[in-house]
Amino acid sequence: MVKEKPNSTRIYDKDGFRRRAACICVRSDAEAEVLLVTSSRRPELWIVPGGGVEPEEEPSVTAVREVLEEAGVVGKLGRCLGVFEIL
């Protein structure tokens, strides 16, 4: 299902969950360091970069795009860590 909102299009799966993708970013020479950004909705929180999947977009593309948009970082996408549902 697709819902149009001002300045965005939201994609939902068959069960009504909003499709989102995120990326855990580490430097290849220092995996103990993780990139976090502040939440726009709750500025006191630090989160991994991520956002909504756009129409006809693969989640991997979404993850890379969101890291660039939110943190200005370009990198190489590694493996998928999993798919999660928030109930």
C-alpha atoms as a PDB file:
ATOM      1  CA  MET A   1       0.000   0.000   0.000  1.00  0.00           C
ATOM      2  CA  VAL A   2       1.226   3.528  -0.806  1.00  0.00           C
ATOM      3  CA  LYS A   3       0.138   6.678   1.045  1.00  0.00           C
ATOM      4  CA  GLU A   4       0.931  10.129  -0.300  1.00  0.00           C
ATOM      5  CA  LYS A   5       1.875  12.766   2.270  1.00  0.00           C
ATOM      6  CA  PRO A   6       3.177  16.282   1.708  1.00  0.00           C
ATOM      7  CA  ASN A   7       6.815  15.955   0.549  1.00  0.00           C
ATOM      8  CA  SER A   8       6.864  12.161   0.955  1.00  0.00           C
ATOM      9  CA  THR A   9       5.383   8.857  -0.096  1.00  0.00           C
ATOM     10  CA  ARG A  10       5.041   6.145   2.523  1.00  0.00           C
ATOM     11  CA  ILE A  11       5.152   2.463   1.605  1.00  0.00           C
ATOM     12  CA  TYR A  12       3.426  -0.177   3.742  1.00  0.00           C
ATOM     13  CA  ASP A  13       3.674  -3.964   3.588  1.00  0.00           C
ATOM     14  CA  LYS A  14       0.708  -6.323   3.284  1.00  0.00           C
ATOM     15  CA  ASP A  15       0.195  -6.255   7.071  1.00  0.00           C
ATOM     16  CA  GLY A  16       0.100  -2.455   7.272  1.00  0.00           C
ATOM     17  CA  PHE A  17       3.637  -1.923   8.610  1.00  0.00           C
ATOM     18  CA  ARG A  18       5.602   1.002   7.191  1.00  0.00           C
ATOM     19  CA  ARG A  19       8.610  -0.222   5.207  1.00  0.00           C
ATOM     20  CA  ARG A  20      11.842   1.291   6.525  1.00  0.00           C
ATOM     21  CA  ALA A  21      15.531   0.552   6.197  1.00  0.00           C
ATOM     22  CA  ALA A  22      18.511   1.517   8.342  1.00  0.00           C
ATOM     23  CA  CYS A  23      22.237   0.992   8.315  1.00  0.00           C
ATOM     24  CA  ILE A  24      24.766   0.343  11.068  1.00  0.00           C
ATOM     25  CA  CYS A  25      27.876   2.185   9.866  1.00  0.00           C
ATOM     26  CA  VAL A  26      31.368   1.250  11.030  1.00  0.00           C
ATOM     27  CA  ARG A  27      34.789   2.323   9.812  1.00  0.00           C
ATOM     28  CA  SER A  28      36.578  -0.619   8.244  1.00  0.00           C
ATOM     29  CA  ASP A  29      39.692   0.076  10.317  1.00  0.00           C
ATOM     30  CA  ALA A  30      37.828   0.608  13.608  1.00  0.00           C
ATOM     31  CA  GLU A  31      34.736  -1.577  13.950  1.00  0.00           C
ATOM     32  CA  ALA A  32      34.384  -0.479  17.566  1.00  0.00           C
ATOM     33  CA  GLU A  33      33.212   2.935  16.312  1.00  0.00           C
ATOM     34  CA  VAL A  34      29.576   3.187  15.167  1.00  0.00           C
ATOM     35  CA  LEU A  35      28.010   6.161  13.365  1.00  0.00           C
ATOM     36  CA  LEU A  36      24.928   7.542  15.120  1.00  0.00           C
ATOM     37  CA  VAL A  37      22.768  10.569  14.305  1.00  0.00           C
ATOM     38  CA  THR A  38      20.334  12.506  16.456  1.00  0.00           C
ATOM     39  CA  SER A  39      16.638  11.817  16.070  1.00  0.00           C
ATOM     40  CA  SER A  40      14.654  14.673  14.506  1.00  0.00           C
ATOM     41  CA  ARG A  41      11.588  13.702  16.556  1.00  0.00           C
ATOM     42  CA  ARG A  42      13.416  13.164  19.842  1.00  0.00           C
ATOM     43  CA  PRO A  43      16.692  15.142  19.776  1.00  0.00           C
ATOM     44  CA  GLU A  44      17.855  13.599  23.047  1.00  0.00           C
ATOM     45  CA  LEU A  45      18.159  10.201  21.316  1.00  0.00           C
ATOM     46  CA  TRP A  46      21.018   8.923  19.173  1.00  0.00           C
ATOM     47  CA  ILE A  47      19.957   6.470  16.429  1.00  0.00           C
ATOM     48  CA  VAL A  48      21.359   4.661  13.398  1.00  0.00           C
ATOM     49  CA  PRO A  49      20.627   6.441  10.096  1.00  0.00           C
ATOM     50  CA  GLY A  50      17.502   5.162   8.379  1.00  0.00           C
ATOM     51  CA  GLY A  51      14.187   6.050   6.830  1.00  0.00           C
ATOM     52  CA  GLY A  52      11.263   5.045   4.683  1.00  0.00           C
ATOM     53  CA  VAL A  53      11.558   2.908   1.576  1.00  0.00           C
ATOM     54  CA  GLU A  54      10.407   4.804  -1.517  1.00  0.00           C
ATOM     55  CA  PRO A  55       8.212   3.255  -4.250  1.00  0.00           C
ATOM     56  CA  GLU A  56      10.131   0.748  -6.407  1.00  0.00           C
ATOM     57  CA  GLU A  57      13.213   1.082  -4.155  1.00  0.00           C
ATOM     58  CA  GLU A  58      15.093  -1.837  -2.637  1.00  0.00           C
ATOM     59  CA  PRO A  59      15.743  -1.608   1.135  1.00  0.00           C
ATOM     60  CA  SER A  60      19.518  -1.782   0.508  1.00  0.00           C
ATOM     61  CA  VAL A  61      19.286   1.319  -1.703  1.00  0.00           C
ATOM     62  CA  THR A  62      17.192   3.043   0.974  1.00  0.00           C
ATOM     63  CA  ALA A  63      19.823   2.315   3.641  1.00  0.00           C
ATOM     64  CA  VAL A  64      22.660   3.783   1.555  1.00  0.00           C
ATOM     65  CA  ARG A  65      20.563   6.835   0.576  1.00  0.00           C
ATOM     66  CA  GLU A  66      19.544   7.548   4.169  1.00  0.00           C
ATOM     67  CA  VAL A  67      23.145   7.402   5.439  1.00  0.00           C
ATOM     68  CA  LEU A  68      24.133   9.965   2.811  1.00  0.00           C
ATOM     69  CA  GLU A  69      21.105  12.196   3.506  1.00  0.00           C
ATOM     70  CA  GLU A  70      21.352  12.099   7.298  1.00  0.00           C
ATOM     71  CA  ALA A  71      25.104  11.922   7.896  1.00  0.00           C
ATOM     72  CA  GLY A  72      26.768  12.943   4.625  1.00  0.00           C
ATOM     73  CA  VAL A  73      28.660   9.650   4.535  1.00  0.00           C
ATOM     74  CA  VAL A  74      29.294   7.471   1.482  1.00  0.00           C
ATOM     75  CA  GLY A  75      30.338   3.888   2.026  1.00  0.00           C
ATOM     76  CA  LYS A  76      30.072   0.304   0.868  1.00  0.00           C
ATOM     77  CA  LEU A  77      27.046  -1.709   1.969  1.00  0.00           C
ATOM     78  CA  GLY A  78      27.923  -4.944   3.728  1.00  0.00           C
ATOM     79  CA  ARG A  79      25.604  -7.764   4.685  1.00  0.00           C
ATOM     80  CA  CYS A  80      21.996  -7.602   5.812  1.00  0.00           C
ATOM     81  CA  LEU A  81      21.804  -8.131   9.566  1.00  0.00           C
ATOM     82  CA  GLY A  82      18.115  -8.953   9.588  1.00  0.00           C
ATOM     83  CA  VAL A  83      14.554  -7.918   9.050  1.00  0.00           C
ATOM     84  CA  PHE A  84      12.637  -6.755  12.101  1.00  0.00           C
ATOM     85  CA  GLU A  85       9.042  -5.871  12.899  1.00  0.00           C
ATOM     86  CA  ILE A  86       8.078  -3.442  15.634  1.00  0.00           C
ATOM     87  CA  LEU A  87       4.853  -4.621  17.227  1.00  0.00           C
END
